[in-house]
PDB file of N, CA and C in Angstrom:
ATOM      1  N   MET A   1      27.708 -17.532 -28.598  1.00  0.00           N
ATOM      2  CA  MET A   1      28.398 -16.404 -28.005  1.00  0.00           C
ATOM      3  C   MET A   1      27.434 -15.223 -27.884  1.00  0.00           C
ATOM      4  N   MET A   2      27.422 -14.601 -26.732  1.00  0.00           N
ATOM      5  CA  MET A   2      26.519 -13.471 -26.502  1.00  0.00           C
ATOM      6  C   MET A   2      27.119 -12.196 -27.072  1.00  0.00           C
ATOM      7  N   ASP A   3      26.284 -11.437 -27.734  1.00  0.00           N
ATOM      8  CA  ASP A   3      26.721 -10.179 -28.325  1.00  0.00           C
ATOM      9  C   ASP A   3      25.989  -9.039 -27.631  1.00  0.00           C
ATOM     10  N   ILE A   4      26.436  -8.714 -26.412  1.00  0.00           N
ATOM     11  CA  ILE A   4      25.796  -7.671 -25.619  1.00  0.00           C
ATOM     12  C   ILE A   4      26.710  -6.453 -25.602  1.00  0.00           C
ATOM     13  N   LYS A   5      26.156  -5.312 -25.977  1.00  0.00           N
ATOM     14  CA  LYS A   5      26.911  -4.059 -25.970  1.00  0.00           C
ATOM     15  C   LYS A   5      26.568  -3.307 -24.691  1.00  0.00           C
ATOM     16  N   LEU A   6      27.550  -3.165 -23.801  1.00  0.00           N
ATOM     17  CA  LEU A   6      27.356  -2.437 -22.551  1.00  0.00           C
ATOM     18  C   LEU A   6      28.018  -1.075 -22.645  1.00  0.00           C
ATOM     19  N   ILE A   7      27.341  -0.065 -22.116  1.00  0.00           N
ATOM     20  CA  ILE A   7      27.877   1.293 -22.164  1.00  0.00           C
ATOM     21  C   ILE A   7      27.818   1.930 -20.782  1.00  0.00           C
ATOM     22  N   LYS A   8      28.635   2.945 -20.602  1.00  0.00           N
ATOM     23  CA  LYS A   8      28.716   3.662 -19.331  1.00  0.00           C
ATOM     24  C   LYS A   8      27.549   4.646 -19.202  1.00  0.00           C
ATOM     25  N   PRO A   9      27.243   5.069 -17.964  1.00  0.00           N
ATOM     26  CA  PRO A   9      26.136   6.005 -17.751  1.00  0.00           C
ATOM     27  C   PRO A   9      26.237   7.295 -18.569  1.00  0.00           C
ATOM     28  N   LYS A  10      27.438   7.799 -18.780  1.00  0.00           N
ATOM     29  CA  LYS A  10      27.600   9.035 -19.561  1.00  0.00           C
ATOM     30  C   LYS A  10      27.045   8.853 -20.977  1.00  0.00           C
ATOM     31  N   GLU A  11      27.365   7.717 -21.595  1.00  0.00           N
ATOM     32  CA  GLU A  11      26.868   7.435 -22.948  1.00  0.00           C
ATOM     33  C   GLU A  11      25.359   7.189 -22.923  1.00  0.00           C
ATOM     34  N   ALA A  12      24.889   6.479 -21.896  1.00  0.00           N
ATOM     35  CA  ALA A  12      23.454   6.201 -21.774  1.00  0.00           C
ATOM     36  C   ALA A  12      22.663   7.498 -21.623  1.00  0.00           C
ATOM     37  N   ALA A  13      23.188   8.422 -20.840  1.00  0.00           N
ATOM     38  CA  ALA A  13      22.519   9.713 -20.640  1.00  0.00           C
ATOM     39  C   ALA A  13      22.396  10.473 -21.959  1.00  0.00           C
ATOM     40  N   LYS A  14      23.421  10.405 -22.784  1.00  0.00           N
ATOM     41  CA  LYS A  14      23.358  11.070 -24.095  1.00  0.00           C
ATOM     42  C   LYS A  14      22.253  10.468 -24.946  1.00  0.00           C
ATOM     43  N   ILE A  15      22.167   9.140 -24.962  1.00  0.00           N
ATOM     44  CA  ILE A  15      21.153   8.464 -25.774  1.00  0.00           C
ATOM     45  C   ILE A  15      19.750   8.813 -25.285  1.00  0.00           C
ATOM     46  N   LEU A  16      19.575   8.863 -23.977  1.00  0.00           N
ATOM     47  CA  LEU A  16      18.250   9.152 -23.403  1.00  0.00           C
ATOM     48  C   LEU A  16      17.965  10.641 -23.268  1.00  0.00           C
ATOM     49  N   MET A  17      18.952  11.470 -23.618  1.00  0.00           N
ATOM     50  CA  MET A  17      18.824  12.925 -23.535  1.00  0.00           C
ATOM     51  C   MET A  17      18.440  13.367 -22.123  1.00  0.00           C
ATOM     52  N   CYS A  18      19.174  12.851 -21.156  1.00  0.00           N
ATOM     53  CA  CYS A  18      18.991  13.241 -19.762  1.00  0.00           C
ATOM     54  C   CYS A  18      20.373  13.347 -19.122  1.00  0.00           C
ATOM     55  N   SER A  19      20.406  13.731 -17.878  1.00  0.00           N
ATOM     56  CA  SER A  19      21.697  13.856 -17.198  1.00  0.00           C
ATOM     57  C   SER A  19      22.071  12.535 -16.521  1.00  0.00           C
ATOM     58  N   GLU A  20      23.331  12.409 -16.184  1.00  0.00           N
ATOM     59  CA  GLU A  20      23.790  11.241 -15.431  1.00  0.00           C
ATOM     60  C   GLU A  20      23.126  11.217 -14.053  1.00  0.00           C
ATOM     61  N   ARG A  21      22.870  12.391 -13.499  1.00  0.00           N
ATOM     62  CA  ARG A  21      22.201  12.472 -12.193  1.00  0.00           C
ATOM     63  C   ARG A  21      20.776  11.938 -12.274  1.00  0.00           C
ATOM     64  N   THR A  22      20.111  12.168 -13.403  1.00  0.00           N
ATOM     65  CA  THR A  22      18.768  11.626 -13.588  1.00  0.00           C
ATOM     66  C   THR A  22      18.826  10.103 -13.591  1.00  0.00           C
ATOM     67  N   LEU A  23      19.799   9.546 -14.291  1.00  0.00           N
ATOM     68  CA  LEU A  23      19.962   8.092 -14.302  1.00  0.00           C
ATOM     69  C   LEU A  23      20.206   7.568 -12.885  1.00  0.00           C
ATOM     70  N   GLU A  24      21.036   8.273 -12.145  1.00  0.00           N
ATOM     71  CA  GLU A  24      21.324   7.885 -10.763  1.00  0.00           C
ATOM     72  C   GLU A  24      20.049   7.920  -9.917  1.00  0.00           C
ATOM     73  N   SER A  25      19.261   8.959 -10.095  1.00  0.00           N
ATOM     74  CA  SER A  25      18.004   9.090  -9.364  1.00  0.00           C
ATOM     75  C   SER A  25      17.049   7.952  -9.719  1.00  0.00           C
ATOM     76  N   TRP A  26      16.963   7.617 -10.994  1.00  0.00           N
ATOM     77  CA  TRP A  26      16.110   6.513 -11.435  1.00  0.00           C
ATOM     78  C   TRP A  26      16.554   5.199 -10.812  1.00  0.00           C
ATOM     79  N   ARG A  27      17.874   4.983 -10.720  1.00  0.00           N
ATOM     80  CA  ARG A  27      18.373   3.744 -10.114  1.00  0.00           C
ATOM     81  C   ARG A  27      17.962   3.668  -8.650  1.00  0.00           C
ATOM     82  N   ARG A  28      18.099   4.784  -7.927  1.00  0.00           N
ATOM     83  CA  ARG A  28      17.729   4.811  -6.514  1.00  0.00           C
ATOM     84  C   ARG A  28      16.246   4.549  -6.305  1.00  0.00           C
ATOM     85  N   SER A  29      15.417   5.077  -7.201  1.00  0.00           N
ATOM     86  CA  SER A  29      13.963   4.918  -7.061  1.00  0.00           C
ATOM     87  C   SER A  29      13.429   3.728  -7.867  1.00  0.00           C
ATOM     88  N   GLU A  30      14.349   2.919  -8.405  1.00  0.00           N
ATOM     89  CA  GLU A  30      13.993   1.727  -9.179  1.00  0.00           C
ATOM     90  C   GLU A  30      13.080   2.031 -10.362  1.00  0.00           C
ATOM     91  N   LYS A  31      13.398   3.116 -11.061  1.00  0.00           N
ATOM     92  CA  LYS A  31      12.710   3.511 -12.293  1.00  0.00           C
ATOM     93  C   LYS A  31      13.718   3.438 -13.436  1.00  0.00           C
ATOM     94  N   GLY A  32      13.276   3.798 -14.599  1.00  0.00           N
ATOM     95  CA  GLY A  32      14.197   3.901 -15.717  1.00  0.00           C
ATOM     96  C   GLY A  32      14.631   2.557 -16.271  1.00  0.00           C
ATOM     97  N   PRO A  33      15.613   2.591 -17.175  1.00  0.00           N
ATOM     98  CA  PRO A  33      16.075   1.358 -17.814  1.00  0.00           C
ATOM     99  C   PRO A  33      16.842   0.473 -16.840  1.00  0.00           C
ATOM    100  N   SER A  34      16.798  -0.822 -17.103  1.00  0.00           N
ATOM    101  CA  SER A  34      17.560  -1.750 -16.262  1.00  0.00           C
ATOM    102  C   SER A  34      19.052  -1.560 -16.517  1.00  0.00           C
ATOM    103  N   TYR A  35      19.844  -2.022 -15.579  1.00  0.00           N
ATOM    104  CA  TYR A  35      21.293  -1.824 -15.677  1.00  0.00           C
ATOM    105  C   TYR A  35      22.010  -2.980 -15.015  1.00  0.00           C
ATOM    106  N   TYR A  36      23.294  -3.064 -15.255  1.00  0.00           N
ATOM    107  CA  TYR A  36      24.153  -4.067 -14.633  1.00  0.00           C
ATOM    108  C   TYR A  36      25.063  -3.363 -13.639  1.00  0.00           C
ATOM    109  N   LYS A  37      25.397  -4.051 -12.570  1.00  0.00           N
ATOM    110  CA  LYS A  37      26.390  -3.548 -11.635  1.00  0.00           C
ATOM    111  C   LYS A  37      27.475  -4.620 -11.554  1.00  0.00           C
ATOM    112  N   ILE A  38      28.583  -4.363 -12.216  1.00  0.00           N
ATOM    113  CA  ILE A  38      29.671  -5.321 -12.313  1.00  0.00           C
ATOM    114  C   ILE A  38      30.893  -4.743 -11.615  1.00  0.00           C
ATOM    115  N   GLU A  39      31.308  -5.390 -10.551  1.00  0.00           N
ATOM    116  CA  GLU A  39      32.451  -4.946  -9.755  1.00  0.00           C
ATOM    117  C   GLU A  39      32.344  -3.468  -9.377  1.00  0.00           C
ATOM    118  N   GLY A  40      31.128  -3.059  -8.994  1.00  0.00           N
ATOM    119  CA  GLY A  40      30.890  -1.691  -8.553  1.00  0.00           C
ATOM    120  C   GLY A  40      30.659  -0.688  -9.667  1.00  0.00           C
ATOM    121  N   LYS A  41      30.773  -1.127 -10.911  1.00  0.00           N
ATOM    122  CA  LYS A  41      30.564  -0.228 -12.052  1.00  0.00           C
ATOM    123  C   LYS A  41      29.155  -0.405 -12.599  1.00  0.00           C
ATOM    124  N   ILE A  42      28.502   0.706 -12.892  1.00  0.00           N
ATOM    125  CA  ILE A  42      27.173   0.698 -13.479  1.00  0.00           C
ATOM    126  C   ILE A  42      27.324   0.688 -14.990  1.00  0.00           C
ATOM    127  N   LEU A  43      26.622  -0.246 -15.639  1.00  0.00           N
ATOM    128  CA  LEU A  43      26.655  -0.358 -17.099  1.00  0.00           C
ATOM    129  C   LEU A  43      25.239  -0.591 -17.611  1.00  0.00           C
ATOM    130  N   TYR A  44      24.961  -0.018 -18.760  1.00  0.00           N
ATOM    131  CA  TYR A  44      23.660  -0.183 -19.397  1.00  0.00           C
ATOM    132  C   TYR A  44      23.826  -0.965 -20.688  1.00  0.00           C
ATOM    133  N   GLU A  45      22.851  -1.826 -20.958  1.00  0.00           N
ATOM    134  CA  GLU A  45      22.845  -2.562 -22.210  1.00  0.00           C
ATOM    135  C   GLU A  45      22.190  -1.671 -23.276  1.00  0.00           C
ATOM    136  N   LEU A  46      22.872  -1.480 -24.373  1.00  0.00           N
ATOM    137  CA  LEU A  46      22.398  -0.588 -25.425  1.00  0.00           C
ATOM    138  C   LEU A  46      20.998  -0.968 -25.897  1.00  0.00           C
ATOM    139  N   GLU A  47      20.756  -2.247 -26.122  1.00  0.00           N
ATOM    140  CA  GLU A  47      19.443  -2.703 -26.588  1.00  0.00           C
ATOM    141  C   GLU A  47      18.354  -2.402 -25.557  1.00  0.00           C
ATOM    142  N   GLU A  48      18.680  -2.500 -24.269  1.00  0.00           N
ATOM    143  CA  GLU A  48      17.714  -2.175 -23.209  1.00  0.00           C
ATOM    144  C   GLU A  48      17.323  -0.700 -23.253  1.00  0.00           C
ATOM    145  N   LEU A  49      18.275   0.164 -23.569  1.00  0.00           N
ATOM    146  CA  LEU A  49      17.969   1.590 -23.673  1.00  0.00           C
ATOM    147  C   LEU A  49      16.991   1.846 -24.806  1.00  0.00           C
ATOM    148  N   TYR A  50      17.210   1.176 -25.934  1.00  0.00           N
ATOM    149  CA  TYR A  50      16.293   1.330 -27.068  1.00  0.00           C
ATOM    150  C   TYR A  50      14.900   0.826 -26.707  1.00  0.00           C
ATOM    151  N   GLN A  51      14.828  -0.283 -25.968  1.00  0.00           N
ATOM    152  CA  GLN A  51      13.530  -0.802 -25.523  1.00  0.00           C
ATOM    153  C   GLN A  51      12.851   0.176 -24.577  1.00  0.00           C
ATOM    154  N   PHE A  52      13.617   0.757 -23.663  1.00  0.00           N
ATOM    155  CA  PHE A  52      13.078   1.739 -22.722  1.00  0.00           C
ATOM    156  C   PHE A  52      12.472   2.926 -23.479  1.00  0.00           C
ATOM    157  N   ILE A  53      13.147   3.372 -24.507  1.00  0.00           N
ATOM    158  CA  ILE A  53      12.639   4.481 -25.328  1.00  0.00           C
ATOM    159  C   ILE A  53      11.333   4.066 -25.997  1.00  0.00           C
ATOM    160  N   LYS A  54      11.301   2.855 -26.568  1.00  0.00           N
ATOM    161  CA  LYS A  54      10.104   2.400 -27.269  1.00  0.00           C
ATOM    162  C   LYS A  54       8.891   2.300 -26.352  1.00  0.00           C
ATOM    163  N   VAL A  55       9.075   1.743 -25.149  1.00  0.00           N
ATOM    164  CA  VAL A  55       7.926   1.587 -24.252  1.00  0.00           C
ATOM    165  C   VAL A  55       7.511   2.909 -23.612  1.00  0.00           C
ATOM    166  N   SER A  56       8.331   3.936 -23.745  1.00  0.00           N
ATOM    167  CA  SER A  56       7.995   5.245 -23.190  1.00  0.00           C
ATOM    168  C   SER A  56       7.186   6.094 -24.166  1.00  0.00           C
ATOM    169  N   LYS A  57       6.929   5.554 -25.344  1.00  0.00           N
ATOM    170  CA  LYS A  57       6.185   6.278 -26.369  1.00  0.00           C
ATOM    171  C   LYS A  57       4.757   6.540 -25.910  1.00  0.00           C
ATOM    172  N   VAL A  58       4.303   7.763 -26.123  1.00  0.00           N
ATOM    173  CA  VAL A  58       2.929   8.149 -25.792  1.00  0.00           C
ATOM    174  C   VAL A  58       2.165   8.308 -27.098  1.00  0.00           C
ATOM    175  N   SER A  59       1.101   7.549 -27.235  1.00  0.00           N
ATOM    176  CA  SER A  59       0.263   7.627 -28.445  1.00  0.00           C
ATOM    177  C   SER A  59      -1.101   8.193 -28.076  1.00  0.00           C
ATOM    178  N   PHE A  60      -1.650   8.971 -28.955  1.00  0.00           N
ATOM    179  CA  PHE A  60      -2.976   9.549 -28.718  1.00  0.00           C
ATOM    180  C   PHE A  60      -4.013   8.872 -29.568  1.00  0.00           C
TER     181      PHE A  60
END
């Protein structure tokens, strides 16, 4: 059984500390975290958001 936690853009924006409009812009320009489009609804996988944060780390 798959244990995937999907969340709405509003919740994803809070986690990423950005606006929902930023997420929308990223989707249009094919940037940002991956997402699902199920019956016209945009959903983000919680684990994918955490991965997106990790790979965005800048090290000196």
